[in-house]
């Protein structure tokens, strides 16, 4: 049985063309079974095209105490359920359990090179 894990992705938006590919927040919080599953959720629910910004940071087993540091005061969804919780999409559409179709159900799946160059932040041993 796979366990759900909280992830936060930090995107490098410097060269990302919002007019062409749609607006996207700098940080996205998502809960999934793996980093690939989590990024695929972002692809289906948030990305407006198959052109993705570079991933600058990935937090694994995201510490919810860091929410204020990344987002300021935030409206959070449910970080315990599968889906995007920052922005709080899973409050409106529910957890990603197949009952509500995502914005782009046939969006491209991530590949290993999508993660190249990203800085990984693992949970501290004291919290794990």
C-alpha atoms as a PDB file:
ATOM      1  CA  UNK A   1       0.000   0.000   0.000  1.00  0.00           C
ATOM      2  CA  UNK A   2       1.363   3.392  -0.987  1.00  0.00           C
ATOM      3  CA  UNK A   3       1.137   6.270   1.450  1.00  0.00           C
ATOM      4  CA  UNK A   4       0.251   9.821   0.538  1.00  0.00           C
ATOM      5  CA  UNK A   5       2.985  12.424   0.918  1.00  0.00           C
ATOM      6  CA  UNK A   6       2.767  16.208   0.983  1.00  0.00           C
ATOM      7  CA  UNK A   7       4.872  17.977  -1.651  1.00  0.00           C
ATOM      8  CA  UNK A   8       5.449  21.603  -2.468  1.00  0.00           C
ATOM      9  CA  UNK A   9       6.830  22.616  -5.845  1.00  0.00           C
ATOM     10  CA  UNK A  10       8.590  25.927  -6.361  1.00  0.00           C
ATOM     11  CA  UNK A  11       8.630  27.001  -9.999  1.00  0.00           C
ATOM     12  CA  UNK A  12      11.130  29.245 -11.739  1.00  0.00           C
ATOM     13  CA  UNK A  13       8.778  31.666 -13.474  1.00  0.00           C
ATOM     14  CA  UNK A  14      11.390  34.112 -14.746  1.00  0.00           C
ATOM     15  CA  UNK A  15      11.262  32.915 -18.379  1.00  0.00           C
ATOM     16  CA  UNK A  16       7.736  31.484 -18.262  1.00  0.00           C
ATOM     17  CA  UNK A  17       5.345  33.191 -20.705  1.00  0.00           C
ATOM     18  CA  UNK A  18       2.087  33.672 -18.774  1.00  0.00           C
ATOM     19  CA  UNK A  19       0.308  35.125 -21.805  1.00  0.00           C
ATOM     20  CA  UNK A  20       0.984  32.003 -23.819  1.00  0.00           C
ATOM     21  CA  UNK A  21       0.723  29.255 -21.185  1.00  0.00           C
ATOM     22  CA  UNK A  22      -1.541  30.668 -18.449  1.00  0.00           C
ATOM     23  CA  UNK A  23      -0.905  32.092 -14.992  1.00  0.00           C
ATOM     24  CA  UNK A  24       0.660  29.924 -12.313  1.00  0.00           C
ATOM     25  CA  UNK A  25       1.630  30.622  -8.703  1.00  0.00           C
ATOM     26  CA  UNK A  26       5.303  30.453  -7.729  1.00  0.00           C
ATOM     27  CA  UNK A  27       4.591  27.668  -5.192  1.00  0.00           C
ATOM     28  CA  UNK A  28       2.053  24.858  -5.383  1.00  0.00           C
ATOM     29  CA  UNK A  29       1.233  22.471  -2.531  1.00  0.00           C
ATOM     30  CA  UNK A  30      -0.012  19.028  -3.518  1.00  0.00           C
ATOM     31  CA  UNK A  31      -0.447  15.634  -1.876  1.00  0.00           C
ATOM     32  CA  UNK A  32       0.241  12.511  -3.927  1.00  0.00           C
ATOM     33  CA  UNK A  33       1.673   9.002  -3.818  1.00  0.00           C
ATOM     34  CA  UNK A  34       5.043  10.071  -5.267  1.00  0.00           C
ATOM     35  CA  UNK A  35       6.721  13.190  -6.621  1.00  0.00           C
ATOM     36  CA  UNK A  36       5.677  12.122 -10.123  1.00  0.00           C
ATOM     37  CA  UNK A  37       2.072  11.537  -9.085  1.00  0.00           C
ATOM     38  CA  UNK A  38       2.031  14.951  -7.397  1.00  0.00           C
ATOM     39  CA  UNK A  39       3.436  16.755 -10.449  1.00  0.00           C
ATOM     40  CA  UNK A  40       0.963  14.950 -12.703  1.00  0.00           C
ATOM     41  CA  UNK A  41      -1.834  16.282 -10.478  1.00  0.00           C
ATOM     42  CA  UNK A  42      -0.475  19.803 -10.971  1.00  0.00           C
ATOM     43  CA  UNK A  43      -0.341  19.154 -14.717  1.00  0.00           C
ATOM     44  CA  UNK A  44      -3.972  18.019 -14.878  1.00  0.00           C
ATOM     45  CA  UNK A  45      -5.442  20.581 -12.465  1.00  0.00           C
ATOM     46  CA  UNK A  46      -3.321  23.739 -12.872  1.00  0.00           C
ATOM     47  CA  UNK A  47      -1.112  23.879 -15.966  1.00  0.00           C
ATOM     48  CA  UNK A  48      -2.943  25.381 -18.930  1.00  0.00           C
ATOM     49  CA  UNK A  49      -0.609  23.896 -21.544  1.00  0.00           C
ATOM     50  CA  UNK A  50       1.950  21.125 -21.893  1.00  0.00           C
ATOM     51  CA  UNK A  51       4.766  23.682 -21.654  1.00  0.00           C
ATOM     52  CA  UNK A  52       5.823  23.703 -18.012  1.00  0.00           C
ATOM     53  CA  UNK A  53       8.031  26.110 -16.097  1.00  0.00           C
ATOM     54  CA  UNK A  54      11.273  24.741 -14.694  1.00  0.00           C
ATOM     55  CA  UNK A  55      10.952  23.277 -11.205  1.00  0.00           C
ATOM     56  CA  UNK A  56      13.364  25.121  -8.905  1.00  0.00           C
ATOM     57  CA  UNK A  57      12.493  23.483  -5.546  1.00  0.00           C
ATOM     58  CA  UNK A  58      10.731  20.345  -4.351  1.00  0.00           C
ATOM     59  CA  UNK A  59       9.796  19.827  -0.718  1.00  0.00           C
ATOM     60  CA  UNK A  60       9.137  16.186   0.205  1.00  0.00           C
ATOM     61  CA  UNK A  61       6.995  15.451   3.272  1.00  0.00           C
ATOM     62  CA  UNK A  62       6.312  19.181   3.374  1.00  0.00           C
ATOM     63  CA  UNK A  63       6.346  20.675   6.867  1.00  0.00           C
ATOM     64  CA  UNK A  64       3.134  22.671   7.245  1.00  0.00           C
ATOM     65  CA  UNK A  65       4.990  25.074   9.565  1.00  0.00           C
ATOM     66  CA  UNK A  66       6.643  26.448   6.388  1.00  0.00           C
ATOM     67  CA  UNK A  67       3.331  27.602   4.889  1.00  0.00           C
ATOM     68  CA  UNK A  68       3.708  31.194   6.100  1.00  0.00           C
ATOM     69  CA  UNK A  69       7.288  31.309   4.817  1.00  0.00           C
ATOM     70  CA  UNK A  70       6.329  30.302   1.259  1.00  0.00           C
ATOM     71  CA  UNK A  71       2.823  31.711   0.846  1.00  0.00           C
ATOM     72  CA  UNK A  72       2.354  34.262   3.614  1.00  0.00           C
ATOM     73  CA  UNK A  73      -1.091  33.943   5.144  1.00  0.00           C
ATOM     74  CA  UNK A  74      -2.691  31.341   2.954  1.00  0.00           C
ATOM     75  CA  UNK A  75      -6.055  29.779   2.348  1.00  0.00           C
ATOM     76  CA  UNK A  76      -5.163  26.122   2.503  1.00  0.00           C
ATOM     77  CA  UNK A  77      -7.108  23.158   1.290  1.00  0.00           C
ATOM     78  CA  UNK A  78      -6.858  19.726   2.861  1.00  0.00           C
ATOM     79  CA  UNK A  79      -3.180  18.623   2.842  1.00  0.00           C
ATOM     80  CA  UNK A  80      -4.184  15.152   4.129  1.00  0.00           C
ATOM     81  CA  UNK A  81      -6.196  14.290   1.002  1.00  0.00           C
ATOM     82  CA  UNK A  82      -4.838  13.591  -2.473  1.00  0.00           C
ATOM     83  CA  UNK A  83      -4.862  16.724  -4.588  1.00  0.00           C
ATOM     84  CA  UNK A  84      -3.805  20.358  -4.715  1.00  0.00           C
ATOM     85  CA  UNK A  85      -4.182  22.105  -1.372  1.00  0.00           C
ATOM     86  CA  UNK A  86      -2.344  25.344  -2.127  1.00  0.00           C
ATOM     87  CA  UNK A  87      -4.046  27.005  -3.841  1.00  0.00           C
ATOM     88  CA  UNK A  88      -7.016  25.368  -2.149  1.00  0.00           C
ATOM     89  CA  UNK A  89      -8.409  23.544  -5.202  1.00  0.00           C
ATOM     90  CA  UNK A  90      -9.296  20.416  -3.248  1.00  0.00           C
ATOM     91  CA  UNK A  91     -11.707  22.432  -1.082  1.00  0.00           C
ATOM     92  CA  UNK A  92     -13.747  23.279  -4.179  1.00  0.00           C
ATOM     93  CA  UNK A  93     -13.322  20.127  -6.268  1.00  0.00           C
ATOM     94  CA  UNK A  94     -12.707  17.552  -3.539  1.00  0.00           C
ATOM     95  CA  UNK A  95      -9.825  15.141  -3.254  1.00  0.00           C
ATOM     96  CA  UNK A  96      -8.533  13.644  -6.492  1.00  0.00           C
ATOM     97  CA  UNK A  97     -10.363  10.330  -6.277  1.00  0.00           C
ATOM     98  CA  UNK A  98     -11.811  10.239  -9.790  1.00  0.00           C
ATOM     99  CA  UNK A  99     -15.230  11.688  -9.002  1.00  0.00           C
ATOM    100  CA  UNK A 100     -14.485  15.185 -10.339  1.00  0.00           C
ATOM    101  CA  UNK A 101     -12.747  15.494 -13.709  1.00  0.00           C
ATOM    102  CA  UNK A 102      -9.626  17.688 -13.677  1.00  0.00           C
ATOM    103  CA  UNK A 103      -9.281  20.763 -15.866  1.00  0.00           C
ATOM    104  CA  UNK A 104      -7.029  18.892 -18.333  1.00  0.00           C
ATOM    105  CA  UNK A 105      -7.627  15.138 -17.916  1.00  0.00           C
ATOM    106  CA  UNK A 106      -5.343  14.283 -20.850  1.00  0.00           C
ATOM    107  CA  UNK A 107      -2.459  16.608 -19.938  1.00  0.00           C
ATOM    108  CA  UNK A 108       1.042  15.324 -20.513  1.00  0.00           C
ATOM    109  CA  UNK A 109       2.596  13.096 -17.850  1.00  0.00           C
ATOM    110  CA  UNK A 110       5.856  14.138 -16.227  1.00  0.00           C
ATOM    111  CA  UNK A 111       9.163  12.575 -17.170  1.00  0.00           C
ATOM    112  CA  UNK A 112      12.336  12.295 -15.105  1.00  0.00           C
ATOM    113  CA  UNK A 113      13.984  15.236 -16.899  1.00  0.00           C
ATOM    114  CA  UNK A 114      11.221  17.543 -15.579  1.00  0.00           C
ATOM    115  CA  UNK A 115      12.906  17.225 -12.180  1.00  0.00           C
ATOM    116  CA  UNK A 116      16.480  17.858 -13.334  1.00  0.00           C
ATOM    117  CA  UNK A 117      18.127  20.840 -11.680  1.00  0.00           C
ATOM    118  CA  UNK A 118      15.524  21.054  -8.909  1.00  0.00           C
ATOM    119  CA  UNK A 119      16.716  21.503  -5.349  1.00  0.00           C
ATOM    120  CA  UNK A 120      15.210  18.787  -3.145  1.00  0.00           C
ATOM    121  CA  UNK A 121      14.243  19.556   0.445  1.00  0.00           C
ATOM    122  CA  UNK A 122      13.668  16.419   2.502  1.00  0.00           C
ATOM    123  CA  UNK A 123      11.876  16.208   5.835  1.00  0.00           C
ATOM    124  CA  UNK A 124      14.198  16.661   8.782  1.00  0.00           C
ATOM    125  CA  UNK A 125      14.971  13.409  10.680  1.00  0.00           C
ATOM    126  CA  UNK A 126      13.376  14.866  13.825  1.00  0.00           C
ATOM    127  CA  UNK A 127      10.043  15.285  11.997  1.00  0.00           C
ATOM    128  CA  UNK A 128      10.116  12.079   9.953  1.00  0.00           C
END
